Amino acid sequence: MDNSDEKEDLKPIIENIVKMLNESLEELFVSKVLQRLISFGYTIKEEDTFTIAFCIQKVENHIKSSCNISSIPDELIEIAVDRICGEFLFSKKQSGKLDAENGFDIETALKQVQVGDTNITFAVGEGAETLETKLNSLITYLLNAGESDFICYRKIKW
């Protein structure tokens, strides 16, 4: 399956998420979230629609309330995408629908994640971390991504 077929398969899911959010959320943003999840080795399913929509709203509201702003600036989009993916993977893992041994290929996810001055390297080979530990590290990193970047966009509440 080439990349264009994959994007076409995601189109109904993207449309359902946008409808569920009842906002003028751009399809491009939702597409970035889905593509990021795919890059971590997760296979998107139709039943993920509600959970993804919920995670989008949760992260969007967190960023808006943390910064006291009404919309997420373009400069925080990648951070929002990573946090949404972290919330989604955490939710799936906590509900028992995701684990490193069955249904999620953590090895294809990443060997190293680096954003700004934060760097996580997953061990490989002899003495390497377990797949479960790698998955937990990835989720923790995604859930906390970019918190320090919010400072640039904070507005004072009166």
N, C-alpha and C. Protein backbone atom coordinates (compact mmCIF):
# COMPACT_ATOMS: atom_id res chain seq x y z
N MET A 1 0.85 -1.18 0.00
CA MET A 1 0.00 0.00 0.00
C MET A 1 0.89 1.24 0.00
N ASP A 2 0.69 2.09 -0.99
CA ASP A 2 1.52 3.29 -1.02
C ASP A 2 0.90 4.38 -0.16
N ASN A 3 1.63 5.46 -0.01
CA ASN A 3 1.24 6.54 0.89
C ASN A 3 -0.09 7.17 0.49
N SER A 4 -0.37 7.32 -0.80
CA SER A 4 -1.63 7.95 -1.23
C SER A 4 -2.83 7.06 -0.91
N ASP A 5 -2.67 5.73 -1.03
CA ASP A 5 -3.75 4.81 -0.65
C ASP A 5 -4.00 4.88 0.85
N GLU A 6 -2.92 4.99 1.61
CA GLU A 6 -3.03 5.08 3.06
C GLU A 6 -3.80 6.34 3.47
N LYS A 7 -3.49 7.47 2.81
CA LYS A 7 -4.18 8.72 3.12
C LYS A 7 -5.65 8.63 2.75
N GLU A 8 -5.98 7.97 1.66
CA GLU A 8 -7.38 7.81 1.26
C GLU A 8 -8.14 6.95 2.26
N ASP A 9 -7.47 5.92 2.80
CA ASP A 9 -8.10 5.07 3.81
C ASP A 9 -8.40 5.84 5.09
N LEU A 10 -7.60 6.86 5.36
CA LEU A 10 -7.78 7.66 6.58
C LEU A 10 -8.84 8.75 6.41
N LYS A 11 -9.20 9.08 5.18
CA LYS A 11 -10.12 10.19 4.91
C LYS A 11 -11.44 10.07 5.68
N PRO A 12 -12.12 8.90 5.67
CA PRO A 12 -13.38 8.82 6.43
C PRO A 12 -13.18 9.02 7.94
N ILE A 13 -12.06 8.54 8.46
CA ILE A 13 -11.78 8.70 9.88
C ILE A 13 -11.56 10.17 10.20
N ILE A 14 -10.79 10.85 9.36
CA ILE A 14 -10.54 12.28 9.54
C ILE A 14 -11.85 13.05 9.53
N GLU A 15 -12.70 12.78 8.55
CA GLU A 15 -13.99 13.48 8.44
C GLU A 15 -14.86 13.23 9.68
N ASN A 16 -14.87 11.99 10.18
CA ASN A 16 -15.67 11.69 11.37
C ASN A 16 -15.16 12.43 12.61
N ILE A 17 -13.84 12.53 12.74
CA ILE A 17 -13.27 13.23 13.89
C ILE A 17 -13.60 14.72 13.81
N VAL A 18 -13.46 15.31 12.63
CA VAL A 18 -13.77 16.73 12.44
C VAL A 18 -15.23 16.99 12.77
N LYS A 19 -16.14 16.12 12.31
CA LYS A 19 -17.57 16.28 12.62
C LYS A 19 -17.82 16.17 14.12
N MET A 20 -17.15 15.22 14.76
CA MET A 20 -17.35 14.99 16.18
C MET A 20 -16.90 16.18 17.02
N LEU A 21 -15.89 16.88 16.57
CA LEU A 21 -15.37 18.01 17.33
C LEU A 21 -16.24 19.26 17.20
N ASN A 22 -17.15 19.26 16.22
CA ASN A 22 -18.06 20.38 16.01
C ASN A 22 -17.33 21.72 15.92
N GLU A 23 -16.20 21.72 15.32
CA GLU A 23 -15.43 22.94 15.16
C GLU A 23 -14.92 22.98 13.73
N SER A 24 -14.37 24.11 13.36
CA SER A 24 -13.80 24.22 12.02
C SER A 24 -12.34 23.77 12.06
N LEU A 25 -12.13 22.61 12.67
CA LEU A 25 -10.79 22.06 12.78
C LEU A 25 -10.33 21.61 11.40
N GLU A 26 -9.16 22.02 11.06
CA GLU A 26 -8.66 21.68 9.74
C GLU A 26 -8.36 20.19 9.63
N GLU A 27 -8.73 19.63 8.47
CA GLU A 27 -8.44 18.23 8.22
C GLU A 27 -6.94 17.97 8.24
N LEU A 28 -6.15 18.96 7.85
CA LEU A 28 -4.70 18.81 7.83
C LEU A 28 -4.17 18.52 9.23
N PHE A 29 -4.72 19.19 10.25
CA PHE A 29 -4.29 18.96 11.63
C PHE A 29 -4.60 17.53 12.05
N VAL A 30 -5.83 17.08 11.81
CA VAL A 30 -6.22 15.71 12.17
C VAL A 30 -5.37 14.72 11.40
N SER A 31 -5.09 15.02 10.14
CA SER A 31 -4.25 14.16 9.32
C SER A 31 -2.85 14.04 9.92
N LYS A 32 -2.31 15.15 10.44
CA LYS A 32 -1.00 15.11 11.10
C LYS A 32 -1.01 14.19 12.31
N VAL A 33 -2.08 14.25 13.09
CA VAL A 33 -2.20 13.38 14.26
C VAL A 33 -2.21 11.92 13.83
N LEU A 34 -3.01 11.60 12.83
CA LEU A 34 -3.11 10.21 12.38
C LEU A 34 -1.80 9.73 11.77
N GLN A 35 -1.16 10.58 10.98
CA GLN A 35 0.13 10.21 10.38
C GLN A 35 1.19 10.00 11.45
N ARG A 36 1.15 10.81 12.49
CA ARG A 36 2.12 10.67 13.59
C ARG A 36 1.90 9.34 14.31
N LEU A 37 0.64 8.97 14.56
CA LEU A 37 0.35 7.68 15.19
C LEU A 37 0.83 6.53 14.31
N ILE A 38 0.62 6.64 13.02
CA ILE A 38 1.09 5.62 12.08
C ILE A 38 2.61 5.52 12.13
N SER A 39 3.29 6.67 12.24
CA SER A 39 4.75 6.66 12.29
C SER A 39 5.27 5.95 13.53
N PHE A 40 4.44 5.85 14.57
CA PHE A 40 4.81 5.14 15.79
C PHE A 40 4.48 3.65 15.71
N GLY A 41 3.96 3.20 14.57
CA GLY A 41 3.65 1.79 14.40
C GLY A 41 2.24 1.42 14.80
N TYR A 42 1.38 2.41 15.01
CA TYR A 42 -0.01 2.12 15.38
C TYR A 42 -0.87 2.08 14.12
N THR A 43 -1.77 1.12 14.04
CA THR A 43 -2.71 1.02 12.93
C THR A 43 -4.03 1.66 13.34
N ILE A 44 -4.42 2.72 12.63
CA ILE A 44 -5.65 3.45 12.94
C ILE A 44 -6.86 2.60 12.56
N LYS A 45 -7.85 2.57 13.47
CA LYS A 45 -9.09 1.83 13.21
C LYS A 45 -10.27 2.80 13.33
N GLU A 46 -11.35 2.45 12.71
CA GLU A 46 -12.57 3.28 12.76
C GLU A 46 -13.03 3.50 14.20
N GLU A 47 -12.87 2.48 15.04
CA GLU A 47 -13.32 2.58 16.44
C GLU A 47 -12.49 3.56 17.27
N ASP A 48 -11.37 4.04 16.73
CA ASP A 48 -10.53 5.01 17.43
C ASP A 48 -11.05 6.44 17.30
N THR A 49 -12.05 6.66 16.49
CA THR A 49 -12.55 8.00 16.19
C THR A 49 -12.88 8.80 17.45
N PHE A 50 -13.70 8.24 18.33
CA PHE A 50 -14.10 8.98 19.52
C PHE A 50 -12.90 9.29 20.41
N THR A 51 -12.04 8.31 20.63
CA THR A 51 -10.89 8.50 21.51
C THR A 51 -9.95 9.57 20.96
N ILE A 52 -9.71 9.56 19.66
CA ILE A 52 -8.84 10.57 19.05
C ILE A 52 -9.47 11.95 19.19
N ALA A 53 -10.77 12.05 18.91
CA ALA A 53 -11.46 13.34 19.03
C ALA A 53 -11.40 13.84 20.47
N PHE A 54 -11.59 12.95 21.43
CA PHE A 54 -11.52 13.33 22.84
C PHE A 54 -10.13 13.83 23.20
N CYS A 55 -9.10 13.12 22.74
CA CYS A 55 -7.71 13.51 23.04
C CYS A 55 -7.38 14.86 22.41
N ILE A 56 -7.89 15.11 21.21
CA ILE A 56 -7.65 16.40 20.55
C ILE A 56 -8.24 17.52 21.40
N GLN A 57 -9.49 17.35 21.84
CA GLN A 57 -10.12 18.38 22.65
C GLN A 57 -9.42 18.56 23.99
N LYS A 58 -9.01 17.47 24.61
CA LYS A 58 -8.33 17.54 25.90
C LYS A 58 -7.02 18.32 25.80
N VAL A 59 -6.21 18.00 24.80
CA VAL A 59 -4.91 18.67 24.64
C VAL A 59 -5.12 20.12 24.23
N GLU A 60 -6.06 20.36 23.33
CA GLU A 60 -6.34 21.73 22.90
C GLU A 60 -6.77 22.59 24.09
N ASN A 61 -7.66 22.07 24.92
CA ASN A 61 -8.12 22.82 26.09
C ASN A 61 -6.99 23.03 27.10
N HIS A 62 -6.12 22.05 27.26
CA HIS A 62 -4.99 22.19 28.19
C HIS A 62 -4.05 23.31 27.73
N ILE A 63 -3.72 23.31 26.45
CA ILE A 63 -2.82 24.34 25.92
C ILE A 63 -3.46 25.72 26.04
N LYS A 64 -4.73 25.82 25.66
CA LYS A 64 -5.43 27.11 25.73
C LYS A 64 -5.50 27.62 27.17
N SER A 65 -5.83 26.75 28.12
CA SER A 65 -5.95 27.22 29.50
C SER A 65 -4.58 27.48 30.12
N SER A 66 -3.57 26.71 29.76
CA SER A 66 -2.22 26.94 30.29
C SER A 66 -1.66 28.29 29.82
N CYS A 67 -2.00 28.65 28.58
CA CYS A 67 -1.46 29.89 28.01
C CYS A 67 -2.45 31.05 28.09
N ASN A 68 -3.70 30.78 28.47
CA ASN A 68 -4.75 31.78 28.50
C ASN A 68 -4.92 32.41 27.11
N ILE A 69 -5.08 31.56 26.11
CA ILE A 69 -5.27 31.98 24.72
C ILE A 69 -6.52 31.32 24.16
N SER A 70 -7.03 31.85 23.06
CA SER A 70 -8.27 31.31 22.49
C SER A 70 -8.03 30.34 21.34
N SER A 71 -6.83 30.33 20.79
CA SER A 71 -6.51 29.37 19.73
C SER A 71 -5.04 28.99 19.84
N ILE A 72 -4.73 27.82 19.34
CA ILE A 72 -3.35 27.33 19.41
C ILE A 72 -2.54 27.94 18.28
N PRO A 73 -1.42 28.61 18.62
CA PRO A 73 -0.57 29.21 17.59
C PRO A 73 0.08 28.14 16.71
N ASP A 74 0.38 28.50 15.48
CA ASP A 74 1.02 27.56 14.54
C ASP A 74 2.30 26.97 15.11
N GLU A 75 3.02 27.75 15.91
CA GLU A 75 4.29 27.29 16.45
C GLU A 75 4.14 26.17 17.48
N LEU A 76 2.92 25.96 17.98
CA LEU A 76 2.68 24.90 18.96
C LEU A 76 1.96 23.69 18.37
N ILE A 77 1.74 23.69 17.07
CA ILE A 77 1.00 22.60 16.42
C ILE A 77 1.70 21.25 16.60
N GLU A 78 3.01 21.21 16.37
CA GLU A 78 3.74 19.94 16.49
C GLU A 78 3.70 19.43 17.93
N ILE A 79 3.77 20.33 18.88
CA ILE A 79 3.68 19.95 20.29
C ILE A 79 2.29 19.39 20.58
N ALA A 80 1.27 20.05 20.05
CA ALA A 80 -0.10 19.58 20.24
C ALA A 80 -0.28 18.18 19.63
N VAL A 81 0.28 17.97 18.45
CA VAL A 81 0.17 16.66 17.79
C VAL A 81 0.82 15.58 18.65
N ASP A 82 2.02 15.84 19.14
CA ASP A 82 2.70 14.85 19.98
C ASP A 82 1.92 14.58 21.27
N ARG A 83 1.40 15.62 21.89
CA ARG A 83 0.63 15.44 23.13
C ARG A 83 -0.66 14.65 22.87
N ILE A 84 -1.30 14.91 21.75
CA ILE A 84 -2.51 14.16 21.40
C ILE A 84 -2.17 12.69 21.21
N CYS A 85 -1.08 12.41 20.52
CA CYS A 85 -0.65 11.03 20.32
C CYS A 85 -0.34 10.37 21.66
N GLY A 86 0.32 11.11 22.55
CA GLY A 86 0.62 10.58 23.89
C GLY A 86 -0.64 10.26 24.67
N GLU A 87 -1.61 11.18 24.64
CA GLU A 87 -2.89 10.95 25.32
C GLU A 87 -3.60 9.73 24.74
N PHE A 88 -3.59 9.62 23.42
CA PHE A 88 -4.26 8.50 22.76
C PHE A 88 -3.60 7.18 23.14
N LEU A 89 -2.28 7.10 23.01
CA LEU A 89 -1.58 5.85 23.31
C LEU A 89 -1.72 5.49 24.79
N PHE A 90 -1.68 6.50 25.67
CA PHE A 90 -1.87 6.27 27.10
C PHE A 90 -3.27 5.71 27.36
N SER A 91 -4.26 6.30 26.73
CA SER A 91 -5.65 5.85 26.89
C SER A 91 -5.82 4.41 26.43
N LYS A 92 -5.25 4.10 25.27
CA LYS A 92 -5.35 2.73 24.74
C LYS A 92 -4.63 1.74 25.65
N LYS A 93 -3.47 2.13 26.15
CA LYS A 93 -2.69 1.24 27.02
C LYS A 93 -3.42 1.02 28.34
N GLN A 94 -3.95 2.08 28.93
CA GLN A 94 -4.65 1.96 30.22
C GLN A 94 -5.92 1.13 30.10
N SER A 95 -6.54 1.12 28.94
CA SER A 95 -7.77 0.34 28.75
C SER A 95 -7.47 -1.10 28.33
N GLY A 96 -6.17 -1.44 28.24
CA GLY A 96 -5.79 -2.80 27.89
C GLY A 96 -5.86 -3.11 26.41
N LYS A 97 -6.01 -2.08 25.59
CA LYS A 97 -6.15 -2.29 24.15
C LYS A 97 -4.86 -2.02 23.39
N LEU A 98 -3.77 -1.83 24.13
CA LEU A 98 -2.48 -1.57 23.50
C LEU A 98 -1.38 -2.08 24.42
N ASP A 99 -0.49 -2.85 23.86
CA ASP A 99 0.72 -3.19 24.60
C ASP A 99 1.86 -3.40 23.62
N ALA A 100 3.05 -3.39 24.14
CA ALA A 100 4.24 -3.46 23.31
C ALA A 100 4.42 -4.83 22.68
N GLU A 101 3.81 -5.84 23.25
CA GLU A 101 3.99 -7.20 22.74
C GLU A 101 2.93 -7.57 21.70
N ASN A 102 1.79 -6.88 21.72
CA ASN A 102 0.68 -7.30 20.87
C ASN A 102 -0.04 -6.09 20.29
N GLY A 103 0.09 -5.86 19.00
CA GLY A 103 -0.69 -4.83 18.34
C GLY A 103 -0.02 -3.47 18.21
N PHE A 104 1.19 -3.32 18.75
CA PHE A 104 1.88 -2.04 18.62
C PHE A 104 3.35 -2.32 18.43
N ASP A 105 3.90 -1.86 17.33
CA ASP A 105 5.29 -2.14 16.99
C ASP A 105 6.18 -1.00 17.46
N ILE A 106 6.63 -1.08 18.71
CA ILE A 106 7.45 -0.02 19.29
C ILE A 106 8.80 0.09 18.59
N GLU A 107 9.29 -1.01 18.02
CA GLU A 107 10.58 -0.97 17.34
C GLU A 107 10.54 -0.04 16.13
N THR A 108 9.39 0.04 15.46
CA THR A 108 9.30 0.96 14.32
C THR A 108 9.03 2.38 14.78
N ALA A 109 8.61 2.54 16.02
CA ALA A 109 8.30 3.88 16.52
C ALA A 109 9.52 4.77 16.43
N LEU A 110 10.51 4.53 17.23
CA LEU A 110 11.71 5.38 17.22
C LEU A 110 12.83 4.72 17.99
N LYS A 111 14.03 5.04 17.62
CA LYS A 111 15.18 4.68 18.45
C LYS A 111 15.56 5.86 19.31
N GLN A 112 15.30 7.07 18.79
CA GLN A 112 15.67 8.28 19.53
C GLN A 112 14.66 9.37 19.20
N VAL A 113 14.27 10.11 20.22
CA VAL A 113 13.37 11.24 20.06
C VAL A 113 14.10 12.47 20.57
N GLN A 114 14.10 13.53 19.78
CA GLN A 114 14.74 14.76 20.24
C GLN A 114 13.91 15.96 19.78
N VAL A 115 13.55 16.80 20.74
CA VAL A 115 12.88 18.06 20.46
C VAL A 115 13.53 19.09 21.36
N GLY A 116 14.12 20.10 20.75
CA GLY A 116 14.80 21.13 21.54
C GLY A 116 15.92 20.52 22.35
N ASP A 117 15.91 20.75 23.67
CA ASP A 117 16.96 20.22 24.52
C ASP A 117 16.59 18.91 25.20
N THR A 118 15.43 18.35 24.84
CA THR A 118 14.98 17.08 25.41
C THR A 118 15.34 15.96 24.47
N ASN A 119 15.96 14.90 25.01
CA ASN A 119 16.41 13.80 24.18
C ASN A 119 16.15 12.48 24.90
N ILE A 120 15.48 11.54 24.20
CA ILE A 120 15.26 10.21 24.75
C ILE A 120 15.84 9.23 23.75
N THR A 121 16.72 8.34 24.22
CA THR A 121 17.30 7.31 23.37
C THR A 121 16.88 5.96 23.93
N PHE A 122 16.30 5.13 23.06
CA PHE A 122 15.90 3.80 23.47
C PHE A 122 17.06 2.85 23.25
N ALA A 123 17.36 2.04 24.24
CA ALA A 123 18.47 1.09 24.14
C ALA A 123 18.12 -0.02 23.16
N VAL A 124 19.13 -0.51 22.46
CA VAL A 124 18.96 -1.63 21.54
C VAL A 124 20.06 -2.64 21.80
N GLY A 125 19.79 -3.91 21.47
CA GLY A 125 20.82 -4.94 21.61
C GLY A 125 20.86 -5.51 23.02
N GLU A 126 22.05 -6.00 23.44
CA GLU A 126 22.26 -6.60 24.76
C GLU A 126 21.87 -5.64 25.88
N GLY A 127 21.16 -6.12 26.85
CA GLY A 127 20.80 -5.30 28.00
C GLY A 127 19.78 -4.22 27.68
N ALA A 128 19.14 -4.32 26.53
CA ALA A 128 18.18 -3.29 26.13
C ALA A 128 16.96 -3.32 27.03
N GLU A 129 16.29 -2.19 27.07
CA GLU A 129 15.05 -2.09 27.84
C GLU A 129 14.02 -3.04 27.25
N THR A 130 13.06 -3.43 28.05
CA THR A 130 11.97 -4.25 27.53
C THR A 130 11.10 -3.39 26.63
N LEU A 131 10.32 -4.03 25.78
CA LEU A 131 9.43 -3.30 24.90
C LEU A 131 8.42 -2.48 25.70
N GLU A 132 7.98 -3.03 26.82
CA GLU A 132 7.01 -2.32 27.67
C GLU A 132 7.63 -1.04 28.23
N THR A 133 8.87 -1.10 28.64
CA THR A 133 9.56 0.08 29.17
C THR A 133 9.73 1.12 28.08
N LYS A 134 10.06 0.68 26.87
CA LYS A 134 10.21 1.61 25.75
C LYS A 134 8.88 2.29 25.46
N LEU A 135 7.80 1.52 25.46
CA LEU A 135 6.48 2.08 25.21
C LEU A 135 6.13 3.11 26.29
N ASN A 136 6.38 2.78 27.54
CA ASN A 136 6.10 3.71 28.64
C ASN A 136 6.93 4.98 28.51
N SER A 137 8.19 4.86 28.12
CA SER A 137 9.05 6.04 27.93
C SER A 137 8.54 6.92 26.80
N LEU A 138 8.13 6.30 25.71
CA LEU A 138 7.59 7.05 24.57
C LEU A 138 6.33 7.80 24.98
N ILE A 139 5.41 7.13 25.65
CA ILE A 139 4.16 7.76 26.07
C ILE A 139 4.43 8.91 27.04
N THR A 140 5.32 8.70 27.99
CA THR A 140 5.67 9.77 28.95
C THR A 140 6.26 10.96 28.23
N TYR A 141 7.14 10.72 27.29
CA TYR A 141 7.75 11.81 26.52
C TYR A 141 6.66 12.59 25.76
N LEU A 142 5.78 11.88 25.07
CA LEU A 142 4.74 12.54 24.28
C LEU A 142 3.77 13.33 25.15
N LEU A 143 3.41 12.79 26.30
CA LEU A 143 2.48 13.47 27.20
C LEU A 143 3.03 14.78 27.74
N ASN A 144 4.34 14.88 27.86
CA ASN A 144 4.97 16.06 28.45
C ASN A 144 5.67 16.94 27.44
N ALA A 145 5.57 16.62 26.18
CA ALA A 145 6.29 17.35 25.13
C ALA A 145 5.92 18.83 25.13
N GLY A 146 6.94 19.68 25.10
CA GLY A 146 6.76 21.10 24.86
C GLY A 146 6.18 21.95 25.97
N GLU A 147 6.05 21.42 27.16
CA GLU A 147 5.45 22.22 28.25
C GLU A 147 6.21 23.53 28.44
N SER A 148 7.53 23.48 28.32
CA SER A 148 8.32 24.71 28.51
C SER A 148 8.11 25.71 27.37
N ASP A 149 7.67 25.25 26.22
CA ASP A 149 7.41 26.15 25.09
C ASP A 149 6.16 27.01 25.30
N PHE A 150 5.29 26.59 26.21
CA PHE A 150 4.07 27.35 26.47
C PHE A 150 4.38 28.74 27.00
N ILE A 151 5.50 28.89 27.68
CA ILE A 151 5.87 30.16 28.30
C ILE A 151 5.84 31.30 27.28
N CYS A 152 6.29 31.04 26.07
CA CYS A 152 6.35 32.07 25.03
C CYS A 152 4.97 32.58 24.64
N TYR A 153 3.93 31.80 24.91
CA TYR A 153 2.58 32.15 24.45
C TYR A 153 1.62 32.48 25.57
N ARG A 154 2.09 32.48 26.81
CA ARG A 154 1.21 32.77 27.95
C ARG A 154 0.80 34.23 27.94
N LYS A 155 -0.45 34.44 28.28
CA LYS A 155 -1.00 35.78 28.43
C LYS A 155 -1.46 35.92 29.87
N ILE A 156 -1.36 37.11 30.40
CA ILE A 156 -1.74 37.36 31.79
C ILE A 156 -3.26 37.43 31.89
N LYS A 157 -3.81 36.73 32.89
CA LYS A 157 -5.25 36.78 33.16
C LYS A 157 -5.53 37.95 34.07
N TRP A 158 -6.60 38.68 33.79
CA TRP A 158 -7.01 39.79 34.66
C TRP A 158 -8.26 39.45 35.37
